[in-house]
Protein backbone atom coordinates (compact mmCIF):
# COMPACT_ATOMS: atom_id res chain seq x y z
CA MET A 1 127.96 232.34 73.80
CA LEU A 2 127.49 232.65 69.73
CA LEU A 3 126.67 229.44 68.95
CA TYR A 4 124.12 229.37 71.85
CA ASN A 5 122.55 232.84 70.55
CA LEU A 6 121.89 231.18 67.04
CA VAL A 7 120.50 228.30 68.27
CA ALA A 8 118.22 230.34 70.49
CA MET A 9 117.23 232.58 67.61
CA ASN A 10 116.60 229.46 65.25
CA LEU A 11 114.50 227.99 67.80
CA LEU A 12 112.37 231.47 68.53
CA GLN A 13 112.00 231.68 64.79
CA GLN A 14 110.55 228.21 64.57
CA SER A 15 108.23 228.83 67.33
CA LEU A 16 107.00 231.72 65.54
CA ASP A 17 106.57 230.18 62.50
CA ASP A 18 104.52 227.47 64.10
CA ALA A 19 102.38 229.77 66.07
CA PHE A 20 101.85 231.87 62.61
CA CYS A 21 100.51 228.60 60.74
CA LEU A 22 98.41 227.76 63.83
CA PHE A 23 96.21 230.90 63.27
CA TYR A 24 96.99 231.40 59.76
CA PRO A 25 97.52 228.06 58.19
CA ARG A 26 99.58 227.74 55.06
CA LEU A 27 97.49 225.74 52.69
CA CYS A 28 98.62 223.69 49.75
CA LEU A 29 99.04 225.88 46.48
CA SER A 30 98.10 222.66 44.63
CA CYS A 31 94.81 221.05 46.17
CA GLU A 32 94.35 224.27 48.25
CA ASP A 33 93.52 222.04 51.40
CA ARG A 34 95.93 220.48 53.12
CA HIS A 35 98.11 222.49 55.79
CA LEU A 36 101.89 222.98 54.97
CA PRO A 37 105.12 223.39 57.21
CA PRO A 38 106.79 226.90 56.50
CA LYS A 39 108.81 227.13 53.21
CA GLN A 40 106.76 224.40 51.56
CA ILE A 41 104.34 225.09 48.65
CA ILE A 42 102.86 221.75 47.61
CA CYS A 43 101.55 218.70 49.75
CA THR A 44 103.25 215.45 49.63
CA SER A 45 100.33 213.72 48.05
CA CYS A 46 99.82 216.54 45.17
CA ASP A 47 103.49 216.24 44.80
CA PHE A 48 103.08 212.60 43.94
CA LYS A 49 99.89 212.86 41.91
CA LEU A 50 100.75 215.79 39.88
CA PRO A 51 100.79 214.87 36.13
CA ARG A 52 104.59 214.88 35.17
CA THR A 53 105.72 214.65 31.87
CA ASP A 54 108.88 212.58 30.69
CA PHE A 55 109.46 215.07 27.69
CA HIS A 56 113.09 215.66 28.74
CA LEU A 57 113.99 212.25 27.90
CA HIS A 58 112.80 212.40 23.87
CA LEU A 59 114.46 214.69 21.63
CA GLU A 60 111.00 214.63 19.81
CA ASN A 61 107.80 214.81 21.85
CA ASP A 62 104.33 216.21 21.82
CA PHE A 63 105.76 219.58 22.95
CA THR A 64 108.03 219.59 19.80
CA LYS A 65 105.37 218.22 17.60
CA LYS A 66 103.57 221.84 18.24
CA PHE A 67 106.36 223.53 16.35
CA TRP A 68 106.80 221.05 13.09
CA GLY A 69 106.46 223.10 10.21
CA ARG A 70 106.61 226.61 12.56
CA VAL A 71 110.13 226.94 13.81
CA ASN A 72 113.33 224.90 13.90
CA ILE A 73 113.68 224.30 17.71
CA ASN A 74 115.91 221.72 18.84
CA THR A 75 114.20 219.89 21.66
CA ALA A 76 111.56 220.96 24.81
CA ALA A 77 110.49 219.95 27.84
CA ALA A 78 107.54 220.78 30.65
CA LEU A 79 107.18 220.05 33.82
CA PHE A 80 103.31 218.85 34.32
CA TYR A 81 100.59 218.52 31.79
CA PHE A 82 98.20 221.48 32.25
CA TYR A 83 94.05 220.36 32.42
CA LYS A 84 91.50 222.84 33.20
CA LYS A 85 90.22 222.83 36.78
CA SER A 86 93.29 220.68 37.96
CA LYS A 87 95.64 221.05 40.38
CA THR A 88 98.20 222.06 37.84
CA GLN A 89 95.89 225.08 37.00
CA ASN A 90 95.63 225.85 40.66
CA LEU A 91 99.26 226.39 40.67
CA ILE A 92 99.91 228.39 37.94
CA HIS A 93 96.56 230.86 38.72
CA ASN A 94 98.30 231.17 42.22
CA LEU A 95 101.85 231.87 40.41
CA LYS A 96 100.50 234.51 38.18
CA TYR A 97 97.33 236.38 39.98
CA LYS A 98 97.96 235.69 43.63
CA GLU A 99 101.51 237.02 43.89
CA LYS A 100 102.74 233.37 44.84
CA LYS A 101 106.46 233.85 43.08
CA GLN A 102 107.84 231.21 45.08
CA ILE A 103 106.03 228.71 42.71
CA GLY A 104 107.71 229.71 39.95
CA ILE A 105 111.20 229.28 41.45
CA ASP A 106 110.60 225.93 43.25
CA LEU A 107 108.78 224.76 40.03
CA GLY A 108 111.90 225.59 37.92
CA LYS A 109 114.14 224.13 40.57
CA MET A 110 112.12 220.90 40.09
CA LEU A 111 112.30 220.45 36.44
CA GLY A 112 116.10 221.91 36.38
CA LYS A 113 117.01 218.87 38.40
CA SER A 114 115.47 216.69 35.76
CA LEU A 115 117.01 218.41 32.68
CA SER A 116 120.39 218.52 34.56
CA LYS A 117 120.12 214.63 34.28
CA SER A 118 119.34 214.83 30.73
CA ILE A 119 121.90 214.43 28.01
CA LEU A 120 119.58 216.74 25.60
CA TYR A 121 120.25 219.72 27.98
CA GLN A 122 124.23 219.60 28.74
CA ASP A 123 124.92 222.19 26.20
CA ILE A 124 122.48 224.92 27.49
CA ASP A 125 124.46 228.54 27.35
CA PHE A 126 121.79 230.70 28.89
CA ILE A 127 118.15 230.48 30.05
CA VAL A 128 115.84 233.10 28.74
CA PRO A 129 112.50 234.13 29.83
CA ILE A 130 109.38 235.07 27.53
CA PRO A 131 108.93 238.76 28.75
CA LEU A 132 106.73 240.75 30.00
CA HIS A 133 105.80 244.64 28.99
CA ILE A 134 107.38 246.58 31.81
CA LYS A 135 104.06 248.21 32.27
CA LYS A 136 102.39 244.44 32.88
CA GLU A 137 105.41 243.40 35.20
CA ILE A 138 105.08 246.30 37.38
CA LYS A 139 101.48 245.96 37.73
CA ARG A 140 102.13 242.20 38.39
CA GLY A 141 105.17 242.80 40.45
CA TYR A 142 107.31 240.23 38.92
CA ASN A 143 107.39 238.02 35.85
CA GLN A 144 106.36 234.68 36.26
CA SER A 145 108.76 233.29 33.60
CA SER A 146 111.60 235.00 34.91
CA VAL A 147 110.98 233.47 38.92
CA PHE A 148 110.69 230.11 36.50
CA ALA A 149 113.97 230.94 34.73
CA GLN A 150 115.68 231.61 38.49
CA GLY A 151 114.60 228.07 39.37
CA LEU A 152 116.02 226.63 36.56
CA SER A 153 119.00 228.57 36.59
CA GLU A 154 119.83 227.51 40.51
CA THR A 155 119.70 223.69 39.86
CA MET A 156 121.10 223.47 36.29
CA ASN A 157 123.87 225.96 37.26
CA ILE A 158 123.36 227.77 33.92
CA PRO A 159 123.04 231.79 33.79
CA TRP A 160 119.60 233.37 33.23
CA LEU A 161 119.31 236.41 31.48
CA HIS A 162 116.23 238.67 32.58
CA ASN A 163 116.73 240.80 29.10
CA GLY A 164 117.97 238.10 26.85
CA LEU A 165 114.40 239.13 25.04
CA GLU A 166 112.35 242.18 25.44
CA ARG A 167 108.84 243.09 24.75
CA LYS A 168 108.99 246.49 23.15
CA ILE A 169 105.13 246.81 22.34
CA TYR A 170 102.30 246.31 25.01
CA THR A 171 100.18 243.86 23.84
CA GLU A 172 96.69 242.70 24.65
CA THR A 173 95.80 239.63 26.81
CA GLN A 174 96.25 236.23 25.15
CA THR A 175 94.13 234.11 27.12
CA LYS A 176 91.22 233.94 24.87
CA LYS A 177 93.11 234.35 21.39
CA SER A 178 93.33 231.54 18.59
CA ARG A 179 96.90 230.41 18.01
CA MET A 180 97.21 232.68 14.47
CA ASP A 181 95.63 235.68 16.75
CA ARG A 182 98.40 235.14 19.34
CA PHE A 183 100.92 234.47 16.98
CA GLN A 184 100.35 238.12 15.23
CA ASN A 185 99.69 239.63 18.64
CA VAL A 186 103.32 239.00 19.59
CA MET A 187 105.51 238.75 16.79
CA GLU A 188 106.65 242.32 16.17
CA ALA A 189 106.43 242.81 20.10
CA PHE A 190 109.82 241.19 20.66
CA HIS A 191 113.31 242.06 20.12
CA VAL A 192 116.72 241.00 21.08
CA PRO A 193 118.39 243.62 22.56
CA GLN A 194 122.19 242.18 23.16
CA PRO A 195 122.34 239.61 20.29
CA HIS A 196 126.08 239.62 20.79
CA LEU A 197 125.61 238.07 23.90
CA LEU A 198 123.58 235.31 22.27
CA LYS A 199 125.75 234.54 19.26
CA ASN A 200 126.96 230.98 18.75
CA LYS A 201 124.57 229.85 21.71
CA HIS A 202 122.28 227.29 22.76
CA ILE A 203 119.39 228.96 24.75
CA LEU A 204 116.56 227.42 26.51
CA LEU A 205 113.50 229.67 26.23
CA VAL A 206 111.11 229.38 28.76
CA ASP A 207 107.25 230.33 29.95
CA ASP A 208 104.89 229.13 32.35
CA VAL A 209 102.22 227.18 30.15
CA LEU A 210 102.34 226.11 26.60
CA THR A 211 98.96 226.31 24.91
CA THR A 212 98.84 227.18 21.13
CA GLY A 213 102.82 227.60 21.49
CA ALA A 214 102.31 231.13 19.67
CA THR A 215 104.34 233.01 22.21
CA LEU A 216 107.22 230.66 22.36
CA GLU A 217 107.29 230.45 18.44
CA ALA A 218 107.54 234.34 18.20
CA GLY A 219 110.28 234.41 20.87
CA ALA A 220 112.19 231.56 19.32
CA ILE A 221 111.87 233.08 15.75
CA LYS A 222 113.40 236.50 17.34
CA LEU A 223 116.56 234.45 19.09
CA LEU A 224 116.89 232.62 15.69
CA GLU A 225 117.78 235.59 13.89
CA VAL A 226 120.67 235.95 16.01
CA GLU A 227 123.84 234.50 14.14
CA ASN A 228 124.36 230.62 14.55
CA THR A 229 121.81 230.19 17.92
CA LYS A 230 120.27 227.18 18.73
CA VAL A 231 117.02 227.22 20.93
CA SER A 232 115.33 224.40 22.72
CA LEU A 233 111.85 225.11 25.11
CA ALA A 234 110.59 224.73 28.61
CA THR A 235 107.63 225.47 30.58
CA ILE A 236 106.35 224.78 33.79
CA ALA A 237 103.34 222.69 32.12
CA PHE A 238 101.93 221.41 28.79
CA ALA A 239 98.09 222.00 27.95
CA LYS A 240 97.50 218.48 26.70
CA ASN A 241 94.17 219.11 24.91
CA ASP A 242 95.00 222.22 23.20
């Protein structure tokens, strides 16, 4: 009887999901065109066509070159290339501004699968997201870098620390600032609240998009102040032309 009830409930839930999608169709969050079944965020076509990088296979790559002479990172990876007015930009926009935090979790899982297979990421101890100031996180409802870290954690089977870094100063938006302005804007904003947890650890510092690299640079510098730490970087997207 219990099994029968469970099957009946699952069928009812499926019917309700199907009915909901009929009247309120779920659109692909990348192309914003094709209809999707429940729990899917990207259509098959976009999943195939989104511009993936192969950075996770190379110790040095276009991502790591951004930090040469700036901060001593171990290696770095990104899931997609980022171009303006692209499907990747649609995903990031939906994640940051349209309350679609599941995007961050799912994309974290995607990249996590690749990093798990790469020899370069086998000794990661903790995943640490770039933090938002508490005021901005409350306003948005979540930190997009944290949900990305959560997805990475699930497939890499590595713990993530929500407060591995903290942002103690509320900074202005970074969107239209130069690299130097961004760096100055955030350099004094970060601190490590529990350095004893990170001592002698390899940390994967993560953010949503790499543009100038100033925010990741500032975060990495703070983490590297902890005794004998090593820092690698990961993002959902890498802005190729910035």
